[in-house]
C-alpha atoms as a PDB file:
ATOM      1  CA  MET A   1     239.738 295.426 153.935  1.00  0.00           C
ATOM      2  CA  THR A   2     237.106 293.034 155.296  1.00  0.00           C
ATOM      3  CA  TYR A   3     237.580 289.365 155.040  1.00  0.00           C
ATOM      4  CA  PRO A   4     235.032 286.804 154.924  1.00  0.00           C
ATOM      5  CA  PRO A   5     234.292 285.060 158.097  1.00  0.00           C
ATOM      6  CA  PRO A   6     235.868 281.863 158.850  1.00  0.00           C
ATOM      7  CA  GLY A   7     234.476 279.088 156.835  1.00  0.00           C
ATOM      8  CA  GLY A   8     234.879 280.976 153.655  1.00  0.00           C
ATOM      9  CA  GLY A   9     232.638 282.995 151.506  1.00  0.00           C
ATOM     10  CA  ASN A  10     229.473 284.882 152.111  1.00  0.00           C
ATOM     11  CA  PRO A  11     227.112 282.953 154.226  1.00  0.00           C
ATOM     12  CA  GLN A  12     224.276 284.101 152.038  1.00  0.00           C
ATOM     13  CA  TYR A  13     225.804 282.353 149.137  1.00  0.00           C
ATOM     14  CA  GLN A  14     227.169 279.449 151.074  1.00  0.00           C
ATOM     15  CA  LEU A  15     226.456 276.201 149.334  1.00  0.00           C
ATOM     16  CA  GLN A  16     224.427 273.598 151.141  1.00  0.00           C
ATOM     17  CA  PRO A  17     225.491 270.045 151.012  1.00  0.00           C
ATOM     18  CA  GLU A  18     223.419 267.908 148.562  1.00  0.00           C
ATOM     19  CA  PRO A  19     221.294 265.222 150.032  1.00  0.00           C
ATOM     20  CA  GLN A  20     222.658 261.854 149.425  1.00  0.00           C
ATOM     21  CA  GLN A  21     220.505 259.493 147.461  1.00  0.00           C
ATOM     22  CA  PRO A  22     220.116 256.036 148.887  1.00  0.00           C
ATOM     23  CA  SER A  23     221.514 253.240 146.962  1.00  0.00           C
ATOM     24  CA  ASP A  24     217.995 251.546 146.832  1.00  0.00           C
ATOM     25  CA  PRO A  25     215.253 253.982 145.943  1.00  0.00           C
ATOM     26  CA  TYR A  26     212.587 251.542 147.273  1.00  0.00           C
ATOM     27  CA  SER A  27     214.117 251.686 150.699  1.00  0.00           C
ATOM     28  CA  GLN A  28     213.140 255.310 151.008  1.00  0.00           C
ATOM     29  CA  GLY A  29     210.906 255.765 153.898  1.00  0.00           C
ATOM     30  CA  TYR A  30     211.989 252.698 155.771  1.00  0.00           C
ATOM     31  CA  ASN A  31     214.857 254.647 157.310  1.00  0.00           C
ATOM     32  CA  SER A  32     212.658 257.572 158.336  1.00  0.00           C
ATOM     33  CA  THR A  33     211.487 258.054 161.834  1.00  0.00           C
ATOM     34  CA  PRO A  34     207.860 256.877 162.347  1.00  0.00           C
ATOM     35  CA  PRO A  35     205.368 259.526 163.361  1.00  0.00           C
ATOM     36  CA  PRO A  36     204.546 259.886 166.950  1.00  0.00           C
ATOM     37  CA  GLY A  37     201.931 257.641 168.401  1.00  0.00           C
ATOM     38  CA  ASN A  38     200.715 254.225 167.301  1.00  0.00           C
ATOM     39  CA  TYR A  39     201.409 253.889 163.638  1.00  0.00           C
ATOM     40  CA  TYR A  40     198.794 251.170 163.169  1.00  0.00           C
ATOM     41  CA  GLN A  41     196.080 252.981 165.121  1.00  0.00           C
ATOM     42  CA  GLN A  42     193.080 253.743 162.836  1.00  0.00           C
ATOM     43  CA  PRO A  43     190.880 256.716 163.344  1.00  0.00           C
ATOM     44  CA  PRO A  44     187.664 255.913 165.174  1.00  0.00           C
ATOM     45  CA  PRO A  45     184.780 254.993 162.848  1.00  0.00           C
ATOM     46  CA  GLN A  46     182.232 257.638 162.244  1.00  0.00           C
ATOM     47  CA  GLN A  47     178.808 256.729 163.665  1.00  0.00           C
ATOM     48  CA  TYR A  48     176.070 256.459 161.023  1.00  0.00           C
ATOM     49  CA  THR A  49     173.372 258.962 161.468  1.00  0.00           C
ATOM     50  CA  GLN A  50     170.041 258.569 159.691  1.00  0.00           C
ATOM     51  CA  PRO A  51     169.000 261.659 157.775  1.00  0.00           C
ATOM     52  CA  PRO A  52     165.857 263.260 159.018  1.00  0.00           C
ATOM     53  CA  SER A  53     162.708 261.680 157.537  1.00  0.00           C
ATOM     54  CA  GLN A  54     160.741 263.701 155.106  1.00  0.00           C
ATOM     55  CA  PRO A  55     156.948 263.966 155.525  1.00  0.00           C
ATOM     56  CA  MET A  56     154.909 261.578 153.348  1.00  0.00           C
ATOM     57  CA  MET A  57     153.005 263.350 150.639  1.00  0.00           C
ATOM     58  CA  PRO A  58     149.463 262.058 149.818  1.00  0.00           C
ATOM     59  CA  PRO A  59     149.170 260.437 146.372  1.00  0.00           C
ATOM     60  CA  GLN A  60     147.603 262.496 143.669  1.00  0.00           C
ATOM     61  CA  VAL A  61     144.000 261.597 142.809  1.00  0.00           C
ATOM     62  CA  GLY A  62     143.636 259.697 139.546  1.00  0.00           C
ATOM     63  CA  VAL A  63     147.370 258.992 139.145  1.00  0.00           C
ATOM     64  CA  GLN A  64     148.777 255.547 139.782  1.00  0.00           C
ATOM     65  CA  PRO A  65     151.382 255.680 142.560  1.00  0.00           C
ATOM     66  CA  GLY A  66     154.977 255.393 141.415  1.00  0.00           C
ATOM     67  CA  TYR A  67     154.510 257.036 138.011  1.00  0.00           C
ATOM     68  CA  PRO A  68     155.363 260.573 137.080  1.00  0.00           C
ATOM     69  CA  SER A  69     152.694 263.066 136.214  1.00  0.00           C
ATOM     70  CA  ALA A  70     154.872 265.947 135.113  1.00  0.00           C
ATOM     71  CA  PRO A  71     154.312 267.621 131.740  1.00  0.00           C
ATOM     72  CA  GLY A  72     155.762 265.712 128.837  1.00  0.00           C
ATOM     73  CA  SER A  73     155.157 262.348 130.487  1.00  0.00           C
ATOM     74  CA  ILE A  74     154.016 259.462 128.290  1.00  0.00           C
ATOM     75  CA  LEU A  75     151.266 258.608 130.718  1.00  0.00           C
ATOM     76  CA  PRO A  76     147.729 260.023 130.305  1.00  0.00           C
ATOM     77  CA  PRO A  77     146.842 263.063 132.363  1.00  0.00           C
ATOM     78  CA  PRO A  78     145.399 262.490 135.823  1.00  0.00           C
ATOM     79  CA  LEU A  79     141.728 261.544 135.972  1.00  0.00           C
ATOM     80  CA  PRO A  80     139.444 264.254 137.280  1.00  0.00           C
ATOM     81  CA  PRO A  81     137.803 263.414 140.570  1.00  0.00           C
ATOM     82  CA  ALA A  82     134.355 261.842 140.240  1.00  0.00           C
ATOM     83  CA  LYS A  83     131.407 263.968 141.123  1.00  0.00           C
ATOM     84  CA  GLN A  84     129.423 262.585 143.978  1.00  0.00           C
ATOM     85  CA  GLY A  85     125.671 262.645 143.257  1.00  0.00           C
ATOM     86  CA  GLY A  86     125.913 265.173 140.442  1.00  0.00           C
ATOM     87  CA  ASN A  87     123.612 263.248 137.969  1.00  0.00           C
ATOM     88  CA  LEU A  88     120.975 262.091 140.446  1.00  0.00           C
ATOM     89  CA  PRO A  89     118.774 265.208 140.193  1.00  0.00           C
ATOM     90  CA  VAL A  90     118.907 265.045 136.389  1.00  0.00           C
ATOM     91  CA  ILE A  91     117.811 261.376 136.320  1.00  0.00           C
ATOM     92  CA  LEU A  92     114.968 262.021 138.740  1.00  0.00           C
ATOM     93  CA  GLY A  93     113.810 264.954 136.650  1.00  0.00           C
ATOM     94  CA  VAL A  94     113.715 262.857 133.462  1.00  0.00           C
ATOM     95  CA  VAL A  95     111.736 260.059 135.169  1.00  0.00           C
ATOM     96  CA  VAL A  96     109.178 262.468 136.569  1.00  0.00           C
ATOM     97  CA  ALA A  97     108.768 264.147 133.161  1.00  0.00           C
ATOM     98  CA  LEU A  98     108.142 260.770 131.452  1.00  0.00           C
ATOM     99  CA  VAL A  99     105.529 259.796 134.028  1.00  0.00           C
ATOM    100  CA  VAL A 100     103.711 263.083 133.565  1.00  0.00           C
ATOM    101  CA  VAL A 101     103.728 262.802 129.753  1.00  0.00           C
ATOM    102  CA  LEU A 102     102.430 259.216 129.797  1.00  0.00           C
ATOM    103  CA  GLY A 103      99.688 260.122 132.264  1.00  0.00           C
ATOM    104  CA  VAL A 104      98.484 263.001 130.146  1.00  0.00           C
ATOM    105  CA  ALA A 105      98.507 260.872 126.992  1.00  0.00           C
ATOM    106  CA  ALA A 106      96.477 258.133 128.701  1.00  0.00           C
ATOM    107  CA  VAL A 107      93.882 260.621 129.922  1.00  0.00           C
ATOM    108  CA  LEU A 108      93.486 262.145 126.446  1.00  0.00           C
ATOM    109  CA  LEU A 109      93.556 259.010 124.277  1.00  0.00           C
ATOM    110  CA  ILE A 110      91.675 256.318 126.238  1.00  0.00           C
ATOM    111  CA  PRO A 111      88.280 258.125 126.371  1.00  0.00           C
ATOM    112  CA  GLY A 112      88.498 258.820 122.630  1.00  0.00           C
ATOM    113  CA  LEU A 113      89.155 255.159 121.835  1.00  0.00           C
ATOM    114  CA  VAL A 114      86.303 253.953 124.044  1.00  0.00           C
ATOM    115  CA  ASN A 115      83.834 256.427 122.568  1.00  0.00           C
ATOM    116  CA  GLY A 116      84.981 255.625 119.032  1.00  0.00           C
ATOM    117  CA  ASP A 117      84.253 251.893 119.527  1.00  0.00           C
ATOM    118  CA  ASP A 118      80.789 252.655 120.862  1.00  0.00           C
ATOM    119  CA  GLU A 119      79.934 254.903 117.912  1.00  0.00           C
ATOM    120  CA  ASP A 120      81.328 252.565 115.237  1.00  0.00           C
ATOM    121  CA  PRO A 121      78.353 250.717 113.689  1.00  0.00           C
ATOM    122  CA  GLN A 122      80.608 247.887 112.541  1.00  0.00           C
ATOM    123  CA  ALA A 123      81.813 247.246 116.110  1.00  0.00           C
ATOM    124  CA  GLY A 124      78.377 246.100 117.276  1.00  0.00           C
ATOM    125  CA  GLY A 125      76.717 249.410 118.216  1.00  0.00           C
ATOM    126  CA  GLY A 126      74.426 251.891 116.514  1.00  0.00           C
ATOM    127  CA  ASP A 127      71.061 251.596 114.865  1.00  0.00           C
ATOM    128  CA  GLU A 128      72.318 250.101 111.618  1.00  0.00           C
ATOM    129  CA  THR A 129      73.407 246.910 113.321  1.00  0.00           C
ATOM    130  CA  SER A 130      70.121 246.432 115.139  1.00  0.00           C
ATOM    131  CA  GLU A 131      68.171 247.059 111.938  1.00  0.00           C
ATOM    132  CA  SER A 132      70.287 244.651 109.910  1.00  0.00           C
ATOM    133  CA  ALA A 133      69.897 241.990 112.603  1.00  0.00           C
ATOM    134  CA  GLU A 134      66.100 241.870 112.231  1.00  0.00           C
ATOM    135  CA  PRO A 135      65.981 240.523 108.637  1.00  0.00           C
ATOM    136  CA  SER A 136      68.500 237.825 109.480  1.00  0.00           C
ATOM    137  CA  THR A 137      66.334 236.732 112.402  1.00  0.00           C
ATOM    138  CA  GLU A 138      63.292 236.498 110.138  1.00  0.00           C
ATOM    139  CA  GLU A 139      65.232 234.534 107.537  1.00  0.00           C
ATOM    140  CA  ALA A 140      66.497 232.137 110.172  1.00  0.00           C
ATOM    141  CA  SER A 141      63.000 231.603 111.536  1.00  0.00           C
ATOM    142  CA  SER A 142      61.621 230.847 108.063  1.00  0.00           C
ATOM    143  CA  GLU A 143      64.104 227.988 107.535  1.00  0.00           C
ATOM    144  CA  PRO A 144      63.862 224.736 109.492  1.00  0.00           C
ATOM    145  CA  ALA A 145      66.229 224.523 112.453  1.00  0.00           C
ATOM    146  CA  THR A 146      67.471 221.024 111.670  1.00  0.00           C
ATOM    147  CA  GLU A 147      67.039 218.653 108.773  1.00  0.00           C
ATOM    148  CA  PRO A 148      65.184 215.446 109.499  1.00  0.00           C
ATOM    149  CA  SER A 149      67.416 212.464 110.104  1.00  0.00           C
ATOM    150  CA  GLU A 150      67.313 209.286 108.071  1.00  0.00           C
ATOM    151  CA  GLU A 151      65.333 207.535 110.799  1.00  0.00           C
ATOM    152  CA  GLU A 152      62.688 210.269 110.841  1.00  0.00           C
ATOM    153  CA  THR A 153      62.487 210.184 107.052  1.00  0.00           C
ATOM    154  CA  ALA A 154      62.074 206.427 107.089  1.00  0.00           C
ATOM    155  CA  ASP A 155      59.411 206.571 109.789  1.00  0.00           C
ATOM    156  CA  ALA A 156      57.474 209.216 107.820  1.00  0.00           C
ATOM    157  CA  GLY A 157      56.328 206.594 105.308  1.00  0.00           C
ATOM    158  CA  GLY A 158      57.338 204.920 102.006  1.00  0.00           C
ATOM    159  CA  ASP A 159      58.584 201.469 101.004  1.00  0.00           C
ATOM    160  CA  ASP A 160      61.712 201.819 103.180  1.00  0.00           C
ATOM    161  CA  ASP A 161      59.763 202.583 106.328  1.00  0.00           C
ATOM    162  CA  PHE A 162      60.608 200.209 109.139  1.00  0.00           C
ATOM    163  CA  ALA A 163      56.917 199.795 109.867  1.00  0.00           C
ATOM    164  CA  THR A 164      56.435 197.973 106.550  1.00  0.00           C
ATOM    165  CA  TRP A 165      58.560 195.086 107.759  1.00  0.00           C
ATOM    166  CA  GLY A 166      56.930 192.174 109.506  1.00  0.00           C
ATOM    167  CA  THR A 167      57.704 190.787 112.935  1.00  0.00           C
ATOM    168  CA  PRO A 168      61.402 189.920 113.320  1.00  0.00           C
ATOM    169  CA  VAL A 169      62.308 186.352 114.250  1.00  0.00           C
ATOM    170  CA  ASN A 170      65.705 184.985 115.275  1.00  0.00           C
ATOM    171  CA  SER A 171      67.594 181.854 114.280  1.00  0.00           C
ATOM    172  CA  ASP A 172      66.574 180.054 117.482  1.00  0.00           C
ATOM    173  CA  GLU A 173      62.805 180.363 116.934  1.00  0.00           C
ATOM    174  CA  VAL A 174      62.329 180.620 113.157  1.00  0.00           C
ATOM    175  CA  ALA A 175      59.714 178.327 111.601  1.00  0.00           C
ATOM    176  CA  GLY A 176      60.531 176.263 108.516  1.00  0.00           C
ATOM    177  CA  GLY A 177      59.005 176.861 105.095  1.00  0.00           C
ATOM    178  CA  THR A 178      59.065 180.691 105.412  1.00  0.00           C
ATOM    179  CA  PRO A 179      61.069 183.412 103.643  1.00  0.00           C
ATOM    180  CA  GLU A 180      62.775 184.198 106.973  1.00  0.00           C
ATOM    181  CA  ALA A 181      63.856 180.547 107.332  1.00  0.00           C
ATOM    182  CA  ALA A 182      65.357 180.509 103.821  1.00  0.00           C
ATOM    183  CA  ALA A 183      67.390 183.645 104.477  1.00  0.00           C
ATOM    184  CA  ILE A 184      68.621 182.473 107.911  1.00  0.00           C
ATOM    185  CA  ASN A 185      69.632 179.022 106.562  1.00  0.00           C
ATOM    186  CA  TYR A 186      71.546 180.619 103.687  1.00  0.00           C
ATOM    187  CA  ARG A 187      73.590 182.732 106.141  1.00  0.00           C
ATOM    188  CA  ILE A 188      74.175 179.817 108.487  1.00  0.00           C
ATOM    189  CA  GLY A 189      75.398 177.642 105.569  1.00  0.00           C
ATOM    190  CA  SER A 190      77.857 180.371 104.440  1.00  0.00           C
ATOM    191  CA  ASP A 191      79.220 180.922 107.954  1.00  0.00           C
ATOM    192  CA  THR A 192      79.676 177.208 108.726  1.00  0.00           C
ATOM    193  CA  ASP A 193      80.784 176.233 105.185  1.00  0.00           C
ATOM    194  CA  ASP A 194      77.734 173.966 104.795  1.00  0.00           C
ATOM    195  CA  ASP A 195      77.555 174.189 100.990  1.00  0.00           C
ATOM    196  CA  ASP A 196      74.598 171.803 100.605  1.00  0.00           C
ATOM    197  CA  LEU A 197      72.476 173.794 103.058  1.00  0.00           C
ATOM    198  CA  MET A 198      73.378 177.016 101.342  1.00  0.00           C
ATOM    199  CA  GLN A 199      72.696 175.789  97.795  1.00  0.00           C
ATOM    200  CA  ALA A 200      69.343 174.351  98.861  1.00  0.00           C
ATOM    201  CA  GLN A 201      68.106 177.888  99.618  1.00  0.00           C
ATOM    202  CA  VAL A 202      68.767 179.258  96.085  1.00  0.00           C
ATOM    203  CA  CYS A 203      66.144 179.143  93.323  1.00  0.00           C
ATOM    204  CA  ALA A 204      66.677 177.415  89.970  1.00  0.00           C
ATOM    205  CA  SER A 205      67.262 180.645  88.027  1.00  0.00           C
ATOM    206  CA  PRO A 206      69.075 183.072  90.338  1.00  0.00           C
ATOM    207  CA  SER A 207      70.042 186.583  89.247  1.00  0.00           C
ATOM    208  CA  SER A 208      73.660 187.403  88.414  1.00  0.00           C
ATOM    209  CA  ALA A 209      74.083 189.095  91.805  1.00  0.00           C
ATOM    210  CA  MET A 210      72.716 186.038  93.603  1.00  0.00           C
ATOM    211  CA  GLN A 211      74.904 183.671  91.577  1.00  0.00           C
ATOM    212  CA  SER A 212      78.029 185.785  92.251  1.00  0.00           C
ATOM    213  CA  ASP A 213      77.332 185.784  95.975  1.00  0.00           C
ATOM    214  CA  LEU A 214      76.781 182.020  95.969  1.00  0.00           C
ATOM    215  CA  ASP A 215      80.050 181.357  94.089  1.00  0.00           C
ATOM    216  CA  TRP A 216      82.003 183.606  96.443  1.00  0.00           C
ATOM    217  CA  GLU A 217      80.581 181.884  99.513  1.00  0.00           C
ATOM    218  CA  LEU A 218      81.409 178.452  98.053  1.00  0.00           C
ATOM    219  CA  GLU A 219      85.036 179.398  97.342  1.00  0.00           C
ATOM    220  CA  ASN A 220      85.811 181.159 100.621  1.00  0.00           C
ATOM    221  CA  THR A 221      85.831 179.987 104.181  1.00  0.00           C
ATOM    222  CA  GLY A 222      83.081 181.229 106.447  1.00  0.00           C
ATOM    223  CA  TYR A 223      83.784 183.170 109.614  1.00  0.00           C
ATOM    224  CA  ASN A 224      81.372 181.203 111.828  1.00  0.00           C
ATOM    225  CA  PHE A 225      80.999 183.949 114.406  1.00  0.00           C
ATOM    226  CA  GLY A 226      77.989 182.231 115.976  1.00  0.00           C
ATOM    227  CA  PHE A 227      75.998 185.460 116.271  1.00  0.00           C
ATOM    228  CA  LEU A 228      72.278 185.353 116.778  1.00  0.00           C
ATOM    229  CA  LEU A 229      70.629 186.054 113.401  1.00  0.00           C
ATOM    230  CA  TRP A 230      67.410 188.007 112.964  1.00  0.00           C
ATOM    231  CA  SER A 231      65.150 188.020 109.902  1.00  0.00           C
ATOM    232  CA  MET A 232      61.916 189.698 108.792  1.00  0.00           C
ATOM    233  CA  SER A 233      60.063 190.032 105.482  1.00  0.00           C
ATOM    234  CA  ARG A 234      57.687 192.343 103.657  1.00  0.00           C
ATOM    235  CA  GLU A 235      55.752 192.499 100.384  1.00  0.00           C
ATOM    236  CA  VAL A 236      57.027 194.904  97.686  1.00  0.00           C
ATOM    237  CA  ASP A 237      55.382 195.226  94.226  1.00  0.00           C
ATOM    238  CA  GLY A 238      53.868 191.744  94.357  1.00  0.00           C
ATOM    239  CA  GLY A 239      57.114 190.146  95.496  1.00  0.00           C
ATOM    240  CA  VAL A 240      58.614 189.333  98.869  1.00  0.00           C
ATOM    241  CA  GLU A 241      61.744 190.864 100.337  1.00  0.00           C
ATOM    242  CA  VAL A 242      63.421 189.246 103.306  1.00  0.00           C
ATOM    243  CA  TRP A 243      66.139 190.779 105.473  1.00  0.00           C
ATOM    244  CA  VAL A 244      68.604 188.774 107.564  1.00  0.00           C
ATOM    245  CA  GLY A 245      71.466 189.940 109.776  1.00  0.00           C
ATOM    246  CA  TRP A 246      72.675 190.414 113.327  1.00  0.00           C
ATOM    247  CA  THR A 247      72.457 193.410 115.666  1.00  0.00           C
ATOM    248  CA  MET A 248      75.038 194.929 117.987  1.00  0.00           C
ATOM    249  CA  ASP A 249      73.317 193.723 121.166  1.00  0.00           C
ATOM    250  CA  ASP A 250      71.632 190.566 119.765  1.00  0.00           C
ATOM    251  CA  SER A 251      68.240 192.175 120.281  1.00  0.00           C
ATOM    252  CA  ALA A 252      65.546 192.431 117.611  1.00  0.00           C
ATOM    253  CA  PRO A 253      66.023 195.440 115.320  1.00  0.00           C
ATOM    254  CA  SER A 254      63.656 198.298 116.083  1.00  0.00           C
ATOM    255  CA  SER A 255      64.673 200.774 113.359  1.00  0.00           C
ATOM    256  CA  THR A 256      66.188 200.962 109.931  1.00  0.00           C
ATOM    257  CA  ALA A 257      69.436 202.192 111.504  1.00  0.00           C
ATOM    258  CA  GLU A 258      69.780 198.996 113.556  1.00  0.00           C
ATOM    259  CA  MET A 259      69.204 196.950 110.420  1.00  0.00           C
ATOM    260  CA  GLU A 260      72.109 198.762 108.752  1.00  0.00           C
ATOM    261  CA  GLU A 261      74.494 198.503 111.737  1.00  0.00           C
ATOM    262  CA  GLY A 262      75.035 194.749 111.491  1.00  0.00           C
ATOM    263  CA  SER A 263      76.030 192.571 108.560  1.00  0.00           C
ATOM    264  CA  GLY A 264      72.665 192.552 106.840  1.00  0.00           C
ATOM    265  CA  TYR A 265      71.488 191.114 103.515  1.00  0.00           C
ATOM    266  CA  THR A 266      68.225 191.723 101.712  1.00  0.00           C
ATOM    267  CA  PHE A 267      67.013 188.904  99.442  1.00  0.00           C
ATOM    268  CA  THR A 268      64.166 188.554  97.000  1.00  0.00           C
ATOM    269  CA  ALA A 269      62.304 185.342  97.747  1.00  0.00           C
ATOM    270  CA  ILE A 270      59.887 183.344  95.582  1.00  0.00           C
ATOM    271  CA  GLU A 271      57.839 180.221  96.142  1.00  0.00           C
ATOM    272  CA  GLU A 272      59.315 177.243  94.311  1.00  0.00           C
ATOM    273  CA  ASP A 273      58.738 173.484  94.747  1.00  0.00           C
ATOM    274  CA  GLY A 274      56.509 174.004  97.764  1.00  0.00           C
ATOM    275  CA  GLY A 275      59.023 176.200  99.583  1.00  0.00           C
ATOM    276  CA  TRP A 276      60.663 179.597  99.577  1.00  0.00           C
ATOM    277  CA  LYS A 277      63.813 180.153  97.552  1.00  0.00           C
ATOM    278  CA  LEU A 278      66.180 183.099  97.214  1.00  0.00           C
ATOM    279  CA  CYS A 279      66.646 184.505  93.702  1.00  0.00           C
ATOM    280  CA  ASP A 280      68.247 187.930  94.192  1.00  0.00           C
ATOM    281  CA  VAL A 281      70.347 189.729  96.812  1.00  0.00           C
ATOM    282  CA  THR A 282      71.255 193.284  97.725  1.00  0.00           C
ATOM    283  CA  TRP A 283      73.628 194.508 100.432  1.00  0.00           C
END
């Protein structure tokens, strides 16, 4: 019979002593032996190495840098590259064609317009115009070129002809007791407000026109311009007419027009009480 070895039991089934738990579970590890070496020594820092740089890719044409251009993107598709000088031949071709068309049109139309104007009788050419111009020339030649003026008509003859008037005399050299003196004194009396001198030149029975002129001159103040007065007379139908007035240059009137330029009066004079009196007036 075999007996177990000393110590009892089969060593295979020999119980191992249980580890004893420390009284303070938090003190576990403080009683253990520190690992070899410096406990506080940190591993050396790893040196930073820059990753290899990637080659720069050129930006896509027509796409703004920094924005995606993949399918499904919200951005518009890339712009196609512009064609350099693609439209220049087309533009030159159009310009040359227009120049050729305009040149041909000018060559065809201008001669037709010029010839049409020359053949149009209403435009000044042709035989009809020359024939129609002849009667008008004859009609124009049959009529007088200009009408005679009033001076020419007066000089041609008649009672109003300037030649029928006598020699003009002025207020500085007029002789008393004449029709010219009566007319000049009447105008001097009206200009200087000499009523007695003016009334002395009027006949006893003046016409209504003469009386109206006398009353107006008596009521209104004269202008007294001091102009040199001219007067001349003539015989008309057994009576005597006398004109008195001033001229623009103080010279004697030499035409009917000069008589009408100034402030002229024409009186009808009669002999009364040994002198000449004024009985009627016209302006």
